[in-house]
């Protein structure tokens, strides 16, 4: 039995559809009853406020608190219930704007709101790690699914032929298909060799190339560039950190273990989500 927070979200729903025996947990907030974890072989912690909503001061607090306080509560409950494995969502936002640097899991943390949140988010699991729980932090890239996340927000414009690069389009964008996220989670639960940060990405490419690939998958042009100054004027730090930042993350830990992705190439991964 695997206990899951965020079981009704995009990733949690896909995990359930893959046939795993799951126990849905309530959002942990500042506490989680350890009794809910009785008999569980692992906890997969996916819950957290969406980063896609506008970053008001209140929503910034919700993004941080839902992750940091929630992870701390889950970690404490795992220790109390004797759960041996904790798999926590994190993000490649940990690396901040890394420019052209290739980021393995050994790369240092970046700067900015999301980078700071990711660092605190991962650190919040320390009580579980100190108690001997095997903790895995899934540093997720952009998850490709028509059912939610960034791709679902892009599709309406791209289907109309109104999509294109963001800014100059040269920023690196790490990506992974939803099916591969599920496969990595299942491996993280089962494989004792996986511990600590794991870049949960199949690859990275420049955002302009991603836009062209999405246009090709939809048989639409993808040449309407969204200028960086306009994005920054509209969304401020949210544009800088979500849309314009560059992160060339590589799945070094997974590749070292011989992991094989279901969708290692972007074109077929997009086709699977747009057909």
C-alpha atoms as a PDB file:
ATOM      1  CA  UNK A   1       0.000   0.000   0.000  1.00  0.00           C
ATOM      2  CA  UNK A   2       1.263   3.466  -0.947  1.00  0.00           C
ATOM      3  CA  UNK A   3      -0.183   6.545   0.751  1.00  0.00           C
ATOM      4  CA  UNK A   4      -0.414   9.635  -1.448  1.00  0.00           C
ATOM      5  CA  UNK A   5      -1.028  13.309  -0.767  1.00  0.00           C
ATOM      6  CA  UNK A   6      -2.324  15.242  -3.755  1.00  0.00           C
ATOM      7  CA  UNK A   7      -3.930  12.047  -5.069  1.00  0.00           C
ATOM      8  CA  UNK A   8      -6.577  14.011  -6.992  1.00  0.00           C
ATOM      9  CA  UNK A   9      -4.002  16.098  -8.862  1.00  0.00           C
ATOM     10  CA  UNK A  10      -2.578  15.446 -12.317  1.00  0.00           C
ATOM     11  CA  UNK A  11       0.277  13.204 -11.179  1.00  0.00           C
ATOM     12  CA  UNK A  12      -1.672  11.494  -8.392  1.00  0.00           C
ATOM     13  CA  UNK A  13      -4.523  10.633 -10.759  1.00  0.00           C
ATOM     14  CA  UNK A  14      -2.075   9.160 -13.276  1.00  0.00           C
ATOM     15  CA  UNK A  15      -0.413   7.143 -10.508  1.00  0.00           C
ATOM     16  CA  UNK A  16      -3.772   5.682  -9.513  1.00  0.00           C
ATOM     17  CA  UNK A  17      -4.626   4.910 -13.149  1.00  0.00           C
ATOM     18  CA  UNK A  18      -1.388   2.908 -13.441  1.00  0.00           C
ATOM     19  CA  UNK A  19      -2.900   0.345 -11.099  1.00  0.00           C
ATOM     20  CA  UNK A  20      -1.028   1.117  -7.936  1.00  0.00           C
ATOM     21  CA  UNK A  21      -2.684   0.278  -4.622  1.00  0.00           C
ATOM     22  CA  UNK A  22      -3.055   3.787  -3.219  1.00  0.00           C
ATOM     23  CA  UNK A  23      -4.447   5.336  -0.072  1.00  0.00           C
ATOM     24  CA  UNK A  24      -5.393   8.965  -0.634  1.00  0.00           C
ATOM     25  CA  UNK A  25      -4.375  11.248   2.219  1.00  0.00           C
ATOM     26  CA  UNK A  26      -5.839  14.642   3.114  1.00  0.00           C
ATOM     27  CA  UNK A  27      -3.713  17.718   2.534  1.00  0.00           C
ATOM     28  CA  UNK A  28      -1.338  17.605   5.490  1.00  0.00           C
ATOM     29  CA  UNK A  29      -1.355  21.294   6.436  1.00  0.00           C
ATOM     30  CA  UNK A  30       0.611  21.599   9.679  1.00  0.00           C
ATOM     31  CA  UNK A  31      -0.222  18.065  10.807  1.00  0.00           C
ATOM     32  CA  UNK A  32      -1.024  14.537   9.616  1.00  0.00           C
ATOM     33  CA  UNK A  33      -2.375  11.705  11.748  1.00  0.00           C
ATOM     34  CA  UNK A  34       0.218   8.876  11.681  1.00  0.00           C
ATOM     35  CA  UNK A  35      -2.634   6.381  11.988  1.00  0.00           C
ATOM     36  CA  UNK A  36      -3.497   7.153   8.368  1.00  0.00           C
ATOM     37  CA  UNK A  37      -0.171   5.626   7.349  1.00  0.00           C
ATOM     38  CA  UNK A  38      -0.635   2.299   9.133  1.00  0.00           C
ATOM     39  CA  UNK A  39       0.507  -0.600   6.974  1.00  0.00           C
ATOM     40  CA  UNK A  40       1.921   1.619   4.225  1.00  0.00           C
ATOM     41  CA  UNK A  41       5.171   0.669   2.499  1.00  0.00           C
ATOM     42  CA  UNK A  42       5.760   4.234   1.302  1.00  0.00           C
ATOM     43  CA  UNK A  43       4.333   7.725   1.213  1.00  0.00           C
ATOM     44  CA  UNK A  44       4.318   9.773  -2.003  1.00  0.00           C
ATOM     45  CA  UNK A  45       3.912  13.446  -1.138  1.00  0.00           C
ATOM     46  CA  UNK A  46       2.626  15.453  -4.115  1.00  0.00           C
ATOM     47  CA  UNK A  47       0.394  18.088  -2.503  1.00  0.00           C
ATOM     48  CA  UNK A  48       1.151  21.786  -2.873  1.00  0.00           C
ATOM     49  CA  UNK A  49      -0.475  25.016  -3.991  1.00  0.00           C
ATOM     50  CA  UNK A  50      -0.285  25.640  -7.737  1.00  0.00           C
ATOM     51  CA  UNK A  51       2.570  27.831  -8.993  1.00  0.00           C
ATOM     52  CA  UNK A  52       0.469  28.608 -12.069  1.00  0.00           C
ATOM     53  CA  UNK A  53      -1.842  31.023 -10.262  1.00  0.00           C
ATOM     54  CA  UNK A  54      -0.922  34.690 -10.088  1.00  0.00           C
ATOM     55  CA  UNK A  55       1.786  35.326  -7.498  1.00  0.00           C
ATOM     56  CA  UNK A  56       0.091  37.694  -5.115  1.00  0.00           C
ATOM     57  CA  UNK A  57       1.697  38.032  -1.698  1.00  0.00           C
ATOM     58  CA  UNK A  58      -0.958  35.701  -0.303  1.00  0.00           C
ATOM     59  CA  UNK A  59      -0.402  33.079  -2.976  1.00  0.00           C
ATOM     60  CA  UNK A  60       3.380  33.208  -2.561  1.00  0.00           C
ATOM     61  CA  UNK A  61       2.801  32.366   1.094  1.00  0.00           C
ATOM     62  CA  UNK A  62       0.464  29.534   0.099  1.00  0.00           C
ATOM     63  CA  UNK A  63       3.048  28.122  -2.346  1.00  0.00           C
ATOM     64  CA  UNK A  64       5.739  28.109   0.318  1.00  0.00           C
ATOM     65  CA  UNK A  65       3.684  27.050   3.337  1.00  0.00           C
ATOM     66  CA  UNK A  66       1.827  24.238   1.554  1.00  0.00           C
ATOM     67  CA  UNK A  67       5.164  22.705   0.589  1.00  0.00           C
ATOM     68  CA  UNK A  68       7.357  23.391   3.597  1.00  0.00           C
ATOM     69  CA  UNK A  69       4.823  22.895   6.380  1.00  0.00           C
ATOM     70  CA  UNK A  70       3.125  20.048   4.527  1.00  0.00           C
ATOM     71  CA  UNK A  71       6.388  18.166   3.965  1.00  0.00           C
ATOM     72  CA  UNK A  72       7.425  18.635   7.590  1.00  0.00           C
ATOM     73  CA  UNK A  73       4.071  17.213   8.714  1.00  0.00           C
ATOM     74  CA  UNK A  74       4.362  14.230   6.378  1.00  0.00           C
ATOM     75  CA  UNK A  75       7.945  13.593   7.516  1.00  0.00           C
ATOM     76  CA  UNK A  76       6.909  13.559  11.174  1.00  0.00           C
ATOM     77  CA  UNK A  77       4.015  11.215  10.443  1.00  0.00           C
ATOM     78  CA  UNK A  78       6.284   8.817   8.511  1.00  0.00           C
ATOM     79  CA  UNK A  79       8.639   8.596  11.493  1.00  0.00           C
ATOM     80  CA  UNK A  80       5.796   8.043  13.951  1.00  0.00           C
ATOM     81  CA  UNK A  81       4.175   5.374  11.761  1.00  0.00           C
ATOM     82  CA  UNK A  82       7.414   3.616  10.832  1.00  0.00           C
ATOM     83  CA  UNK A  83       7.022   4.165   7.083  1.00  0.00           C
ATOM     84  CA  UNK A  84      10.370   3.257   5.457  1.00  0.00           C
ATOM     85  CA  UNK A  85      10.173   5.329   2.250  1.00  0.00           C
ATOM     86  CA  UNK A  86       9.123   8.925   1.585  1.00  0.00           C
ATOM     87  CA  UNK A  87       9.006  10.178  -2.013  1.00  0.00           C
ATOM     88  CA  UNK A  88       8.495  13.943  -2.164  1.00  0.00           C
ATOM     89  CA  UNK A  89       7.803  16.139  -5.141  1.00  0.00           C
ATOM     90  CA  UNK A  90      10.270  18.965  -5.700  1.00  0.00           C
ATOM     91  CA  UNK A  91      11.196  20.871  -8.858  1.00  0.00           C
ATOM     92  CA  UNK A  92      14.065  21.802 -11.135  1.00  0.00           C
ATOM     93  CA  UNK A  93      13.288  25.322  -9.948  1.00  0.00           C
ATOM     94  CA  UNK A  94      15.818  24.367  -7.247  1.00  0.00           C
ATOM     95  CA  UNK A  95      18.568  25.412  -9.681  1.00  0.00           C
ATOM     96  CA  UNK A  96      17.121  28.844 -10.431  1.00  0.00           C
ATOM     97  CA  UNK A  97      18.243  30.518 -13.652  1.00  0.00           C
ATOM     98  CA  UNK A  98      21.301  28.418 -14.491  1.00  0.00           C
ATOM     99  CA  UNK A  99      21.858  29.770 -17.988  1.00  0.00           C
ATOM    100  CA  UNK A 100      23.896  27.345 -20.103  1.00  0.00           C
ATOM    101  CA  UNK A 101      25.114  25.241 -17.161  1.00  0.00           C
ATOM    102  CA  UNK A 102      24.199  21.566 -17.281  1.00  0.00           C
ATOM    103  CA  UNK A 103      22.573  20.802 -13.925  1.00  0.00           C
ATOM    104  CA  UNK A 104      23.013  17.343 -12.485  1.00  0.00           C
ATOM    105  CA  UNK A 105      21.714  16.660  -8.994  1.00  0.00           C
ATOM    106  CA  UNK A 106      25.084  17.827  -7.657  1.00  0.00           C
ATOM    107  CA  UNK A 107      24.588  21.362  -9.007  1.00  0.00           C
ATOM    108  CA  UNK A 108      24.234  24.099  -6.366  1.00  0.00           C
ATOM    109  CA  UNK A 109      20.903  25.778  -5.606  1.00  0.00           C
ATOM    110  CA  UNK A 110      19.971  28.937  -7.454  1.00  0.00           C
ATOM    111  CA  UNK A 111      18.461  32.212  -6.376  1.00  0.00           C
ATOM    112  CA  UNK A 112      14.925  33.520  -6.468  1.00  0.00           C
ATOM    113  CA  UNK A 113      11.591  32.718  -4.921  1.00  0.00           C
ATOM    114  CA  UNK A 114      11.137  29.244  -6.416  1.00  0.00           C
ATOM    115  CA  UNK A 115      14.743  28.210  -5.771  1.00  0.00           C
ATOM    116  CA  UNK A 116      14.397  29.222  -2.121  1.00  0.00           C
ATOM    117  CA  UNK A 117      11.066  27.402  -1.794  1.00  0.00           C
ATOM    118  CA  UNK A 118      12.568  24.238  -3.293  1.00  0.00           C
ATOM    119  CA  UNK A 119      15.501  24.341  -0.877  1.00  0.00           C
ATOM    120  CA  UNK A 120      13.199  24.768   2.136  1.00  0.00           C
ATOM    121  CA  UNK A 121      10.802  22.166   0.732  1.00  0.00           C
ATOM    122  CA  UNK A 122      13.508  19.521   0.534  1.00  0.00           C
ATOM    123  CA  UNK A 123      15.018  20.498   3.883  1.00  0.00           C
ATOM    124  CA  UNK A 124      11.624  20.007   5.550  1.00  0.00           C
ATOM    125  CA  UNK A 125      11.982  16.230   5.108  1.00  0.00           C
ATOM    126  CA  UNK A 126      15.118  16.189   7.289  1.00  0.00           C
ATOM    127  CA  UNK A 127      13.375  14.655  10.345  1.00  0.00           C
ATOM    128  CA  UNK A 128      12.432  11.598   8.297  1.00  0.00           C
ATOM    129  CA  UNK A 129      15.925  11.248   6.857  1.00  0.00           C
ATOM    130  CA  UNK A 130      17.487  11.586  10.296  1.00  0.00           C
ATOM    131  CA  UNK A 131      15.227   8.789  11.555  1.00  0.00           C
ATOM    132  CA  UNK A 132      16.382   6.391   8.831  1.00  0.00           C
ATOM    133  CA  UNK A 133      13.578   6.866   6.310  1.00  0.00           C
ATOM    134  CA  UNK A 134      14.778   6.638   2.707  1.00  0.00           C
ATOM    135  CA  UNK A 135      13.797  10.024   1.286  1.00  0.00           C
ATOM    136  CA  UNK A 136      13.682  10.786  -2.443  1.00  0.00           C
ATOM    137  CA  UNK A 137      13.174  14.319  -3.775  1.00  0.00           C
ATOM    138  CA  UNK A 138      11.764  14.301  -7.308  1.00  0.00           C
ATOM    139  CA  UNK A 139      13.035  17.482  -8.960  1.00  0.00           C
ATOM    140  CA  UNK A 140      10.339  17.642 -11.608  1.00  0.00           C
ATOM    141  CA  UNK A 141      10.726  19.449 -14.900  1.00  0.00           C
ATOM    142  CA  UNK A 142       7.763  20.578 -17.010  1.00  0.00           C
ATOM    143  CA  UNK A 143       5.370  17.614 -16.971  1.00  0.00           C
ATOM    144  CA  UNK A 144       3.714  17.053 -20.348  1.00  0.00           C
ATOM    145  CA  UNK A 145       0.018  16.270 -20.059  1.00  0.00           C
ATOM    146  CA  UNK A 146      -3.029  17.599 -21.852  1.00  0.00           C
ATOM    147  CA  UNK A 147      -4.919  17.096 -18.600  1.00  0.00           C
ATOM    148  CA  UNK A 148      -3.100  19.778 -16.625  1.00  0.00           C
ATOM    149  CA  UNK A 149       0.021  21.799 -16.000  1.00  0.00           C
ATOM    150  CA  UNK A 150       1.951  23.940 -18.461  1.00  0.00           C
ATOM    151  CA  UNK A 151       1.111  21.974 -21.615  1.00  0.00           C
ATOM    152  CA  UNK A 152      -2.627  22.146 -20.966  1.00  0.00           C
ATOM    153  CA  UNK A 153      -2.341  25.943 -20.597  1.00  0.00           C
ATOM    154  CA  UNK A 154      -0.372  26.204 -23.851  1.00  0.00           C
ATOM    155  CA  UNK A 155      -2.596  24.030 -26.022  1.00  0.00           C
ATOM    156  CA  UNK A 156      -5.526  26.407 -26.729  1.00  0.00           C
ATOM    157  CA  UNK A 157      -3.281  29.110 -28.188  1.00  0.00           C
ATOM    158  CA  UNK A 158      -1.110  26.655 -30.109  1.00  0.00           C
ATOM    159  CA  UNK A 159      -4.156  24.886 -31.576  1.00  0.00           C
ATOM    160  CA  UNK A 160      -5.213  28.266 -32.989  1.00  0.00           C
ATOM    161  CA  UNK A 161      -1.767  28.864 -34.460  1.00  0.00           C
ATOM    162  CA  UNK A 162      -1.123  31.635 -31.921  1.00  0.00           C
ATOM    163  CA  UNK A 163       1.738  29.985 -30.049  1.00  0.00           C
ATOM    164  CA  UNK A 164       5.430  30.648 -30.234  1.00  0.00           C
ATOM    165  CA  UNK A 165       8.634  31.233 -28.268  1.00  0.00           C
ATOM    166  CA  UNK A 166       8.654  32.992 -24.920  1.00  0.00           C
ATOM    167  CA  UNK A 167      11.141  35.847 -24.877  1.00  0.00           C
ATOM    168  CA  UNK A 168      14.097  35.016 -27.117  1.00  0.00           C
ATOM    169  CA  UNK A 169      13.283  31.301 -26.758  1.00  0.00           C
ATOM    170  CA  UNK A 170      16.899  30.410 -25.951  1.00  0.00           C
ATOM    171  CA  UNK A 171      16.258  29.472 -22.323  1.00  0.00           C
ATOM    172  CA  UNK A 172      16.611  25.766 -21.550  1.00  0.00           C
ATOM    173  CA  UNK A 173      13.402  23.971 -20.594  1.00  0.00           C
ATOM    174  CA  UNK A 174      13.529  20.590 -18.809  1.00  0.00           C
ATOM    175  CA  UNK A 175      10.593  18.307 -19.652  1.00  0.00           C
ATOM    176  CA  UNK A 176       9.181  14.858 -18.946  1.00  0.00           C
ATOM    177  CA  UNK A 177       6.087  12.951 -20.066  1.00  0.00           C
ATOM    178  CA  UNK A 178       3.474  12.233 -17.402  1.00  0.00           C
ATOM    179  CA  UNK A 179       3.796   8.466 -17.941  1.00  0.00           C
ATOM    180  CA  UNK A 180       7.502   8.766 -17.184  1.00  0.00           C
ATOM    181  CA  UNK A 181       6.819  10.688 -13.974  1.00  0.00           C
ATOM    182  CA  UNK A 182       4.651   7.789 -12.823  1.00  0.00           C
ATOM    183  CA  UNK A 183       7.383   5.309 -13.761  1.00  0.00           C
ATOM    184  CA  UNK A 184      10.010   7.278 -11.827  1.00  0.00           C
ATOM    185  CA  UNK A 185       7.747   7.463  -8.769  1.00  0.00           C
ATOM    186  CA  UNK A 186       7.213   3.719  -8.850  1.00  0.00           C
ATOM    187  CA  UNK A 187      10.951   3.170  -9.172  1.00  0.00           C
ATOM    188  CA  UNK A 188      11.663   5.594  -6.335  1.00  0.00           C
ATOM    189  CA  UNK A 189       9.309   3.636  -4.094  1.00  0.00           C
ATOM    190  CA  UNK A 190      10.857   0.273  -4.965  1.00  0.00           C
ATOM    191  CA  UNK A 191      14.546   0.920  -5.670  1.00  0.00           C
ATOM    192  CA  UNK A 192      16.732   1.224  -2.545  1.00  0.00           C
ATOM    193  CA  UNK A 193      19.493   2.781  -4.667  1.00  0.00           C
ATOM    194  CA  UNK A 194      17.437   5.915  -5.228  1.00  0.00           C
ATOM    195  CA  UNK A 195      17.806   8.425  -2.418  1.00  0.00           C
ATOM    196  CA  UNK A 196      18.084  12.189  -2.155  1.00  0.00           C
ATOM    197  CA  UNK A 197      17.508  14.509  -5.126  1.00  0.00           C
ATOM    198  CA  UNK A 198      16.546  12.952  -8.461  1.00  0.00           C
ATOM    199  CA  UNK A 199      16.172  15.101 -11.560  1.00  0.00           C
ATOM    200  CA  UNK A 200      12.841  13.846 -12.873  1.00  0.00           C
ATOM    201  CA  UNK A 201      13.307  14.951 -16.461  1.00  0.00           C
ATOM    202  CA  UNK A 202      13.727  13.093 -19.746  1.00  0.00           C
ATOM    203  CA  UNK A 203      15.742  15.917 -21.249  1.00  0.00           C
ATOM    204  CA  UNK A 204      15.981  19.641 -21.809  1.00  0.00           C
ATOM    205  CA  UNK A 205      15.838  21.788 -24.922  1.00  0.00           C
ATOM    206  CA  UNK A 206      15.556  25.442 -25.741  1.00  0.00           C
ATOM    207  CA  UNK A 207      12.079  26.844 -25.233  1.00  0.00           C
ATOM    208  CA  UNK A 208      11.877  28.070 -28.817  1.00  0.00           C
ATOM    209  CA  UNK A 209      12.592  24.545 -30.042  1.00  0.00           C
ATOM    210  CA  UNK A 210       9.894  23.246 -27.728  1.00  0.00           C
ATOM    211  CA  UNK A 211       7.416  25.748 -29.196  1.00  0.00           C
ATOM    212  CA  UNK A 212       8.274  24.646 -32.730  1.00  0.00           C
ATOM    213  CA  UNK A 213       7.931  20.966 -31.768  1.00  0.00           C
ATOM    214  CA  UNK A 214       4.515  21.604 -30.230  1.00  0.00           C
ATOM    215  CA  UNK A 215       3.412  23.498 -33.327  1.00  0.00           C
ATOM    216  CA  UNK A 216       4.595  20.620 -35.510  1.00  0.00           C
ATOM    217  CA  UNK A 217       2.706  18.084 -33.372  1.00  0.00           C
ATOM    218  CA  UNK A 218      -0.459  20.142 -33.881  1.00  0.00           C
ATOM    219  CA  UNK A 219       0.281  20.951 -37.548  1.00  0.00           C
ATOM    220  CA  UNK A 220       0.145  24.646 -36.737  1.00  0.00           C
ATOM    221  CA  UNK A 221       2.642  27.484 -37.067  1.00  0.00           C
ATOM    222  CA  UNK A 222       4.380  28.482 -33.835  1.00  0.00           C
ATOM    223  CA  UNK A 223       6.080  31.756 -34.659  1.00  0.00           C
ATOM    224  CA  UNK A 224       4.216  34.372 -32.596  1.00  0.00           C
ATOM    225  CA  UNK A 225       6.858  35.375 -30.084  1.00  0.00           C
ATOM    226  CA  UNK A 226       5.786  36.672 -26.667  1.00  0.00           C
ATOM    227  CA  UNK A 227       8.305  39.452 -25.869  1.00  0.00           C
ATOM    228  CA  UNK A 228      10.099  39.158 -22.549  1.00  0.00           C
ATOM    229  CA  UNK A 229       9.310  42.751 -21.598  1.00  0.00           C
ATOM    230  CA  UNK A 230       5.588  42.129 -22.077  1.00  0.00           C
ATOM    231  CA  UNK A 231       5.654  38.942 -20.001  1.00  0.00           C
ATOM    232  CA  UNK A 232       7.564  40.695 -17.220  1.00  0.00           C
ATOM    233  CA  UNK A 233       5.198  43.666 -17.295  1.00  0.00           C
ATOM    234  CA  UNK A 234       2.209  41.347 -17.011  1.00  0.00           C
ATOM    235  CA  UNK A 235       3.500  38.760 -14.528  1.00  0.00           C
ATOM    236  CA  UNK A 236       6.684  40.172 -12.956  1.00  0.00           C
ATOM    237  CA  UNK A 237       8.731  37.603 -11.039  1.00  0.00           C
ATOM    238  CA  UNK A 238       6.343  34.847 -12.096  1.00  0.00           C
ATOM    239  CA  UNK A 239       7.332  35.387 -15.745  1.00  0.00           C
ATOM    240  CA  UNK A 240      11.026  35.576 -14.910  1.00  0.00           C
ATOM    241  CA  UNK A 241      11.047  32.390 -12.859  1.00  0.00           C
ATOM    242  CA  UNK A 242       8.470  30.228 -14.657  1.00  0.00           C
ATOM    243  CA  UNK A 243       8.656  31.302 -18.292  1.00  0.00           C
ATOM    244  CA  UNK A 244      12.016  32.926 -18.954  1.00  0.00           C
ATOM    245  CA  UNK A 245      14.421  31.140 -16.630  1.00  0.00           C
ATOM    246  CA  UNK A 246      16.918  28.693 -18.112  1.00  0.00           C
ATOM    247  CA  UNK A 247      17.497  25.267 -16.567  1.00  0.00           C
ATOM    248  CA  UNK A 248      19.415  22.613 -18.464  1.00  0.00           C
ATOM    249  CA  UNK A 249      18.707  19.807 -16.018  1.00  0.00           C
ATOM    250  CA  UNK A 250      19.856  16.287 -16.819  1.00  0.00           C
ATOM    251  CA  UNK A 251      18.633  13.023 -15.231  1.00  0.00           C
ATOM    252  CA  UNK A 252      22.104  11.988 -14.108  1.00  0.00           C
ATOM    253  CA  UNK A 253      21.007   9.786 -11.183  1.00  0.00           C
ATOM    254  CA  UNK A 254      18.424   7.904 -13.239  1.00  0.00           C
ATOM    255  CA  UNK A 255      20.759   7.381 -16.186  1.00  0.00           C
ATOM    256  CA  UNK A 256      23.494   6.107 -13.881  1.00  0.00           C
ATOM    257  CA  UNK A 257      21.059   3.422 -12.712  1.00  0.00           C
ATOM    258  CA  UNK A 258      20.203   2.458 -16.284  1.00  0.00           C
ATOM    259  CA  UNK A 259      16.708   3.915 -16.179  1.00  0.00           C
ATOM    260  CA  UNK A 260      14.898   3.827 -19.518  1.00  0.00           C
ATOM    261  CA  UNK A 261      12.313   6.469 -20.273  1.00  0.00           C
ATOM    262  CA  UNK A 262       9.063   5.560 -22.017  1.00  0.00           C
ATOM    263  CA  UNK A 263       9.223   8.834 -23.956  1.00  0.00           C
ATOM    264  CA  UNK A 264      12.885   9.814 -24.358  1.00  0.00           C
ATOM    265  CA  UNK A 265      12.181  12.035 -27.396  1.00  0.00           C
ATOM    266  CA  UNK A 266      10.041  15.170 -27.283  1.00  0.00           C
ATOM    267  CA  UNK A 267       8.243  14.750 -30.617  1.00  0.00           C
ATOM    268  CA  UNK A 268       6.595  11.390 -29.815  1.00  0.00           C
ATOM    269  CA  UNK A 269       5.870  12.567 -26.256  1.00  0.00           C
ATOM    270  CA  UNK A 270       3.978  15.591 -27.587  1.00  0.00           C
ATOM    271  CA  UNK A 271       2.214  13.509 -30.216  1.00  0.00           C
ATOM    272  CA  UNK A 272       0.937  11.170 -27.509  1.00  0.00           C
ATOM    273  CA  UNK A 273      -0.618  14.134 -25.692  1.00  0.00           C
ATOM    274  CA  UNK A 274      -2.032  15.975 -28.723  1.00  0.00           C
ATOM    275  CA  UNK A 275      -3.485  13.224 -30.949  1.00  0.00           C
END
